């Protein structure tokens, strides 16, 4: 669903742009002052956004999530979903029919496949939870990962109405819970 965002390095570009304007308008101090204020405001805004994102990641425990094993990740999701108002049930570790958790909120049952991976999650996770949705008589199916999804997984999920919660959304949910 969400694409991994490229790292931004706007500060250097703004500095170069500022220097060009500085040399071009030294003879007009009011314009120079105006542009300087705009440049400073832009830099402050960018720094603010980065600090806010880092705080959100810190609250999410994403670094700890990245080193969990599969069972620990399932238990983490159990606690996470409970803390944001879902009733949860962890399925057996084997013969779970493609769902690691069954969560319920507002009478909507959701089959959840948890994938704590170091690489992108592929179509097999979507296939597994699609089968689990029918088996558990769930209204929805989700795949939750600490990583991102491949394009084929996104296409298959869209075709089967499977919700995808990638790294960015997991960070948001974790921050919300904290």
C-alpha atoms as a PDB file:
ATOM      1  CA  UNK A   1       0.000   0.000   0.000  1.00  0.00           C
ATOM      2  CA  UNK A   2       2.399   2.723   1.145  1.00  0.00           C
ATOM      3  CA  UNK A   3       5.645   3.101  -0.697  1.00  0.00           C
ATOM      4  CA  UNK A   4       8.880   3.467   1.161  1.00  0.00           C
ATOM      5  CA  UNK A   5       9.712   7.125   1.218  1.00  0.00           C
ATOM      6  CA  UNK A   6      13.081   8.274  -0.034  1.00  0.00           C
ATOM      7  CA  UNK A   7      15.302  10.012   2.458  1.00  0.00           C
ATOM      8  CA  UNK A   8      15.099  13.749   2.141  1.00  0.00           C
ATOM      9  CA  UNK A   9      18.109  16.034   2.105  1.00  0.00           C
ATOM     10  CA  UNK A  10      16.410  19.370   1.536  1.00  0.00           C
ATOM     11  CA  UNK A  11      18.742  21.351   3.793  1.00  0.00           C
ATOM     12  CA  UNK A  12      21.688  21.325   1.372  1.00  0.00           C
ATOM     13  CA  UNK A  13      19.474  22.319  -1.552  1.00  0.00           C
ATOM     14  CA  UNK A  14      17.995  25.167   0.443  1.00  0.00           C
ATOM     15  CA  UNK A  15      21.453  26.353   1.438  1.00  0.00           C
ATOM     16  CA  UNK A  16      22.627  26.436  -2.189  1.00  0.00           C
ATOM     17  CA  UNK A  17      19.452  28.212  -3.258  1.00  0.00           C
ATOM     18  CA  UNK A  18      19.911  30.692  -0.431  1.00  0.00           C
ATOM     19  CA  UNK A  19      23.463  31.462  -1.531  1.00  0.00           C
ATOM     20  CA  UNK A  20      22.330  32.096  -5.095  1.00  0.00           C
ATOM     21  CA  UNK A  21      19.689  34.514  -3.867  1.00  0.00           C
ATOM     22  CA  UNK A  22      22.181  36.136  -1.523  1.00  0.00           C
ATOM     23  CA  UNK A  23      24.555  37.029  -4.338  1.00  0.00           C
ATOM     24  CA  UNK A  24      21.697  38.136  -6.585  1.00  0.00           C
ATOM     25  CA  UNK A  25      19.975  40.473  -4.173  1.00  0.00           C
ATOM     26  CA  UNK A  26      22.639  41.913  -1.904  1.00  0.00           C
ATOM     27  CA  UNK A  27      21.762  45.330  -3.237  1.00  0.00           C
ATOM     28  CA  UNK A  28      18.147  44.985  -2.027  1.00  0.00           C
ATOM     29  CA  UNK A  29      18.168  44.244   1.736  1.00  0.00           C
ATOM     30  CA  UNK A  30      14.358  44.013   2.149  1.00  0.00           C
ATOM     31  CA  UNK A  31      14.082  41.247  -0.441  1.00  0.00           C
ATOM     32  CA  UNK A  32      17.122  39.523   1.038  1.00  0.00           C
ATOM     33  CA  UNK A  33      15.608  39.630   4.538  1.00  0.00           C
ATOM     34  CA  UNK A  34      12.283  38.309   3.245  1.00  0.00           C
ATOM     35  CA  UNK A  35      13.926  35.387   1.428  1.00  0.00           C
ATOM     36  CA  UNK A  36      16.130  34.659   4.413  1.00  0.00           C
ATOM     37  CA  UNK A  37      13.072  34.387   6.651  1.00  0.00           C
ATOM     38  CA  UNK A  38      11.402  32.041   4.177  1.00  0.00           C
ATOM     39  CA  UNK A  39      14.537  29.858   4.048  1.00  0.00           C
ATOM     40  CA  UNK A  40      14.802  29.732   7.842  1.00  0.00           C
ATOM     41  CA  UNK A  41      11.105  28.910   8.171  1.00  0.00           C
ATOM     42  CA  UNK A  42      11.430  26.100   5.651  1.00  0.00           C
ATOM     43  CA  UNK A  43      14.453  24.627   7.436  1.00  0.00           C
ATOM     44  CA  UNK A  44      12.684  24.796  10.797  1.00  0.00           C
ATOM     45  CA  UNK A  45       9.645  23.036   9.312  1.00  0.00           C
ATOM     46  CA  UNK A  46      11.779  20.233   7.815  1.00  0.00           C
ATOM     47  CA  UNK A  47      13.653  19.702  11.081  1.00  0.00           C
ATOM     48  CA  UNK A  48      10.358  19.689  12.997  1.00  0.00           C
ATOM     49  CA  UNK A  49       8.922  16.991  10.695  1.00  0.00           C
ATOM     50  CA  UNK A  50      12.016  14.818  11.062  1.00  0.00           C
ATOM     51  CA  UNK A  51      12.031  15.140  14.847  1.00  0.00           C
ATOM     52  CA  UNK A  52       8.313  14.298  14.998  1.00  0.00           C
ATOM     53  CA  UNK A  53       8.862  11.175  12.818  1.00  0.00           C
ATOM     54  CA  UNK A  54      11.810  10.036  14.977  1.00  0.00           C
ATOM     55  CA  UNK A  55       9.739  10.436  18.136  1.00  0.00           C
ATOM     56  CA  UNK A  56       6.937   8.392  16.582  1.00  0.00           C
ATOM     57  CA  UNK A  57       9.403   5.635  15.645  1.00  0.00           C
ATOM     58  CA  UNK A  58      10.888   5.709  19.124  1.00  0.00           C
ATOM     59  CA  UNK A  59       7.452   5.287  20.728  1.00  0.00           C
ATOM     60  CA  UNK A  60       6.658   2.434  18.347  1.00  0.00           C
ATOM     61  CA  UNK A  61       9.501   0.172  19.500  1.00  0.00           C
ATOM     62  CA  UNK A  62      10.165  -0.658  15.834  1.00  0.00           C
ATOM     63  CA  UNK A  63      13.808  -1.513  16.498  1.00  0.00           C
ATOM     64  CA  UNK A  64      12.717  -4.058  19.073  1.00  0.00           C
ATOM     65  CA  UNK A  65      10.086  -5.413  16.704  1.00  0.00           C
ATOM     66  CA  UNK A  66      12.758  -5.915  14.022  1.00  0.00           C
ATOM     67  CA  UNK A  67      14.650  -8.387  16.231  1.00  0.00           C
ATOM     68  CA  UNK A  68      11.639 -10.364  17.488  1.00  0.00           C
ATOM     69  CA  UNK A  69      11.029 -13.894  16.307  1.00  0.00           C
ATOM     70  CA  UNK A  70       7.701 -14.800  14.727  1.00  0.00           C
ATOM     71  CA  UNK A  71       5.966 -15.894  17.950  1.00  0.00           C
ATOM     72  CA  UNK A  72       7.122 -12.770  19.790  1.00  0.00           C
ATOM     73  CA  UNK A  73       5.801 -10.614  16.945  1.00  0.00           C
ATOM     74  CA  UNK A  74       2.426 -12.371  17.117  1.00  0.00           C
ATOM     75  CA  UNK A  75       2.289 -11.759  20.874  1.00  0.00           C
ATOM     76  CA  UNK A  76       3.292  -8.128  20.346  1.00  0.00           C
ATOM     77  CA  UNK A  77       0.417  -7.699  17.869  1.00  0.00           C
ATOM     78  CA  UNK A  78      -1.935  -9.359  20.362  1.00  0.00           C
ATOM     79  CA  UNK A  79      -1.030  -6.730  22.977  1.00  0.00           C
ATOM     80  CA  UNK A  80      -1.026  -3.913  20.406  1.00  0.00           C
ATOM     81  CA  UNK A  81      -4.508  -4.655  19.081  1.00  0.00           C
ATOM     82  CA  UNK A  82      -5.887  -5.118  22.615  1.00  0.00           C
ATOM     83  CA  UNK A  83      -4.489  -1.732  23.592  1.00  0.00           C
ATOM     84  CA  UNK A  84      -6.348  -0.015  20.742  1.00  0.00           C
ATOM     85  CA  UNK A  85      -9.689  -1.612  21.513  1.00  0.00           C
ATOM     86  CA  UNK A  86      -9.792  -4.986  19.740  1.00  0.00           C
ATOM     87  CA  UNK A  87     -10.695  -8.302  21.308  1.00  0.00           C
ATOM     88  CA  UNK A  88      -7.936 -10.702  20.302  1.00  0.00           C
ATOM     89  CA  UNK A  89      -7.218 -14.389  20.125  1.00  0.00           C
ATOM     90  CA  UNK A  90      -3.849 -15.839  19.132  1.00  0.00           C
ATOM     91  CA  UNK A  91      -4.277 -18.976  17.033  1.00  0.00           C
ATOM     92  CA  UNK A  92      -2.204 -22.141  17.598  1.00  0.00           C
ATOM     93  CA  UNK A  93       1.386 -21.928  16.349  1.00  0.00           C
ATOM     94  CA  UNK A  94       0.802 -24.823  13.986  1.00  0.00           C
ATOM     95  CA  UNK A  95      -2.284 -25.627  11.935  1.00  0.00           C
ATOM     96  CA  UNK A  96      -3.516 -22.058  12.219  1.00  0.00           C
ATOM     97  CA  UNK A  97      -5.068 -22.222   8.713  1.00  0.00           C
ATOM     98  CA  UNK A  98      -3.298 -19.017   7.671  1.00  0.00           C
ATOM     99  CA  UNK A  99      -4.178 -16.686  10.534  1.00  0.00           C
ATOM    100  CA  UNK A 100      -1.959 -15.899  13.497  1.00  0.00           C
ATOM    101  CA  UNK A 101      -4.555 -13.759  15.252  1.00  0.00           C
ATOM    102  CA  UNK A 102      -8.287 -13.348  15.162  1.00  0.00           C
ATOM    103  CA  UNK A 103      -9.285  -9.867  16.236  1.00  0.00           C
ATOM    104  CA  UNK A 104     -12.744  -8.393  16.684  1.00  0.00           C
ATOM    105  CA  UNK A 105     -14.009  -4.841  16.994  1.00  0.00           C
ATOM    106  CA  UNK A 106     -17.570  -3.555  16.536  1.00  0.00           C
ATOM    107  CA  UNK A 107     -18.720  -7.114  15.730  1.00  0.00           C
ATOM    108  CA  UNK A 108     -16.287  -7.318  12.785  1.00  0.00           C
ATOM    109  CA  UNK A 109     -14.063 -10.374  12.869  1.00  0.00           C
ATOM    110  CA  UNK A 110     -10.647 -10.026  11.199  1.00  0.00           C
ATOM    111  CA  UNK A 111      -8.179 -12.788  10.370  1.00  0.00           C
ATOM    112  CA  UNK A 112      -4.624 -11.474  10.743  1.00  0.00           C
ATOM    113  CA  UNK A 113      -1.461 -12.964   9.270  1.00  0.00           C
ATOM    114  CA  UNK A 114       1.668 -11.649  11.057  1.00  0.00           C
ATOM    115  CA  UNK A 115       4.942 -11.508   9.125  1.00  0.00           C
ATOM    116  CA  UNK A 116       8.023 -10.281  10.962  1.00  0.00           C
ATOM    117  CA  UNK A 117      10.423 -10.308   8.014  1.00  0.00           C
ATOM    118  CA  UNK A 118      13.749  -8.731   7.149  1.00  0.00           C
ATOM    119  CA  UNK A 119      12.679  -8.579   3.479  1.00  0.00           C
ATOM    120  CA  UNK A 120       9.509  -7.528   1.678  1.00  0.00           C
ATOM    121  CA  UNK A 121       6.459  -9.734   2.153  1.00  0.00           C
ATOM    122  CA  UNK A 122       5.270 -11.600  -0.946  1.00  0.00           C
ATOM    123  CA  UNK A 123       2.030 -13.070  -2.209  1.00  0.00           C
ATOM    124  CA  UNK A 124       2.081 -16.205  -0.037  1.00  0.00           C
ATOM    125  CA  UNK A 125       1.063 -14.200   3.048  1.00  0.00           C
ATOM    126  CA  UNK A 126      -1.910 -12.772   1.157  1.00  0.00           C
ATOM    127  CA  UNK A 127      -2.875 -16.247  -0.057  1.00  0.00           C
ATOM    128  CA  UNK A 128      -2.646 -17.662   3.455  1.00  0.00           C
ATOM    129  CA  UNK A 129      -4.828 -15.024   5.087  1.00  0.00           C
ATOM    130  CA  UNK A 130      -7.352 -15.206   2.248  1.00  0.00           C
ATOM    131  CA  UNK A 131      -7.909 -18.864   3.111  1.00  0.00           C
ATOM    132  CA  UNK A 132      -8.011 -18.073   6.816  1.00  0.00           C
ATOM    133  CA  UNK A 133     -10.742 -15.499   6.260  1.00  0.00           C
ATOM    134  CA  UNK A 134     -13.104 -18.214   5.028  1.00  0.00           C
ATOM    135  CA  UNK A 135     -11.992 -20.809   7.564  1.00  0.00           C
ATOM    136  CA  UNK A 136     -12.550 -18.506  10.543  1.00  0.00           C
ATOM    137  CA  UNK A 137     -15.725 -16.950   9.070  1.00  0.00           C
ATOM    138  CA  UNK A 138     -14.109 -13.504   9.272  1.00  0.00           C
ATOM    139  CA  UNK A 139     -15.443 -10.431   7.513  1.00  0.00           C
ATOM    140  CA  UNK A 140     -11.954  -9.067   6.841  1.00  0.00           C
ATOM    141  CA  UNK A 141      -8.397 -10.293   6.374  1.00  0.00           C
ATOM    142  CA  UNK A 142      -5.174  -8.386   7.074  1.00  0.00           C
ATOM    143  CA  UNK A 143      -1.468  -9.007   6.735  1.00  0.00           C
ATOM    144  CA  UNK A 144       0.692  -7.108   9.221  1.00  0.00           C
ATOM    145  CA  UNK A 145       4.449  -6.799   8.765  1.00  0.00           C
ATOM    146  CA  UNK A 146       7.383  -4.873  10.135  1.00  0.00           C
ATOM    147  CA  UNK A 147       8.553  -4.474   6.539  1.00  0.00           C
ATOM    148  CA  UNK A 148       6.877  -3.607   3.231  1.00  0.00           C
ATOM    149  CA  UNK A 149       5.016  -5.590   0.555  1.00  0.00           C
ATOM    150  CA  UNK A 150       6.072  -6.599  -2.944  1.00  0.00           C
ATOM    151  CA  UNK A 151       4.061  -5.209  -5.849  1.00  0.00           C
ATOM    152  CA  UNK A 152       2.534  -8.649  -6.638  1.00  0.00           C
ATOM    153  CA  UNK A 153       1.424  -8.937  -2.997  1.00  0.00           C
ATOM    154  CA  UNK A 154      -0.222  -5.505  -3.199  1.00  0.00           C
ATOM    155  CA  UNK A 155      -2.036  -6.462  -6.414  1.00  0.00           C
ATOM    156  CA  UNK A 156      -3.249  -9.776  -5.026  1.00  0.00           C
ATOM    157  CA  UNK A 157      -4.368  -8.094  -1.800  1.00  0.00           C
ATOM    158  CA  UNK A 158      -6.331  -5.501  -3.753  1.00  0.00           C
ATOM    159  CA  UNK A 159      -7.983  -8.226  -5.843  1.00  0.00           C
ATOM    160  CA  UNK A 160      -8.946 -10.207  -2.722  1.00  0.00           C
ATOM    161  CA  UNK A 161      -9.851  -7.263  -0.489  1.00  0.00           C
ATOM    162  CA  UNK A 162      -7.050  -8.038   1.970  1.00  0.00           C
ATOM    163  CA  UNK A 163      -5.828  -5.178   4.158  1.00  0.00           C
ATOM    164  CA  UNK A 164      -2.087  -4.602   4.262  1.00  0.00           C
ATOM    165  CA  UNK A 165      -0.405  -3.025   7.275  1.00  0.00           C
ATOM    166  CA  UNK A 166       3.197  -2.272   6.387  1.00  0.00           C
ATOM    167  CA  UNK A 167       6.066  -0.854   8.440  1.00  0.00           C
ATOM    168  CA  UNK A 168       4.819   2.740   8.265  1.00  0.00           C
ATOM    169  CA  UNK A 169       1.300   1.847   9.371  1.00  0.00           C
ATOM    170  CA  UNK A 170       2.637  -0.443  12.111  1.00  0.00           C
ATOM    171  CA  UNK A 171       4.724   2.434  13.457  1.00  0.00           C
ATOM    172  CA  UNK A 172       1.608   4.616  13.495  1.00  0.00           C
ATOM    173  CA  UNK A 173      -0.452   1.960  15.278  1.00  0.00           C
ATOM    174  CA  UNK A 174       2.298   1.346  17.834  1.00  0.00           C
ATOM    175  CA  UNK A 175       2.669   5.069  18.501  1.00  0.00           C
ATOM    176  CA  UNK A 176      -1.107   5.340  18.894  1.00  0.00           C
ATOM    177  CA  UNK A 177      -1.060   2.553  21.448  1.00  0.00           C
ATOM    178  CA  UNK A 178       1.770   4.170  23.400  1.00  0.00           C
END
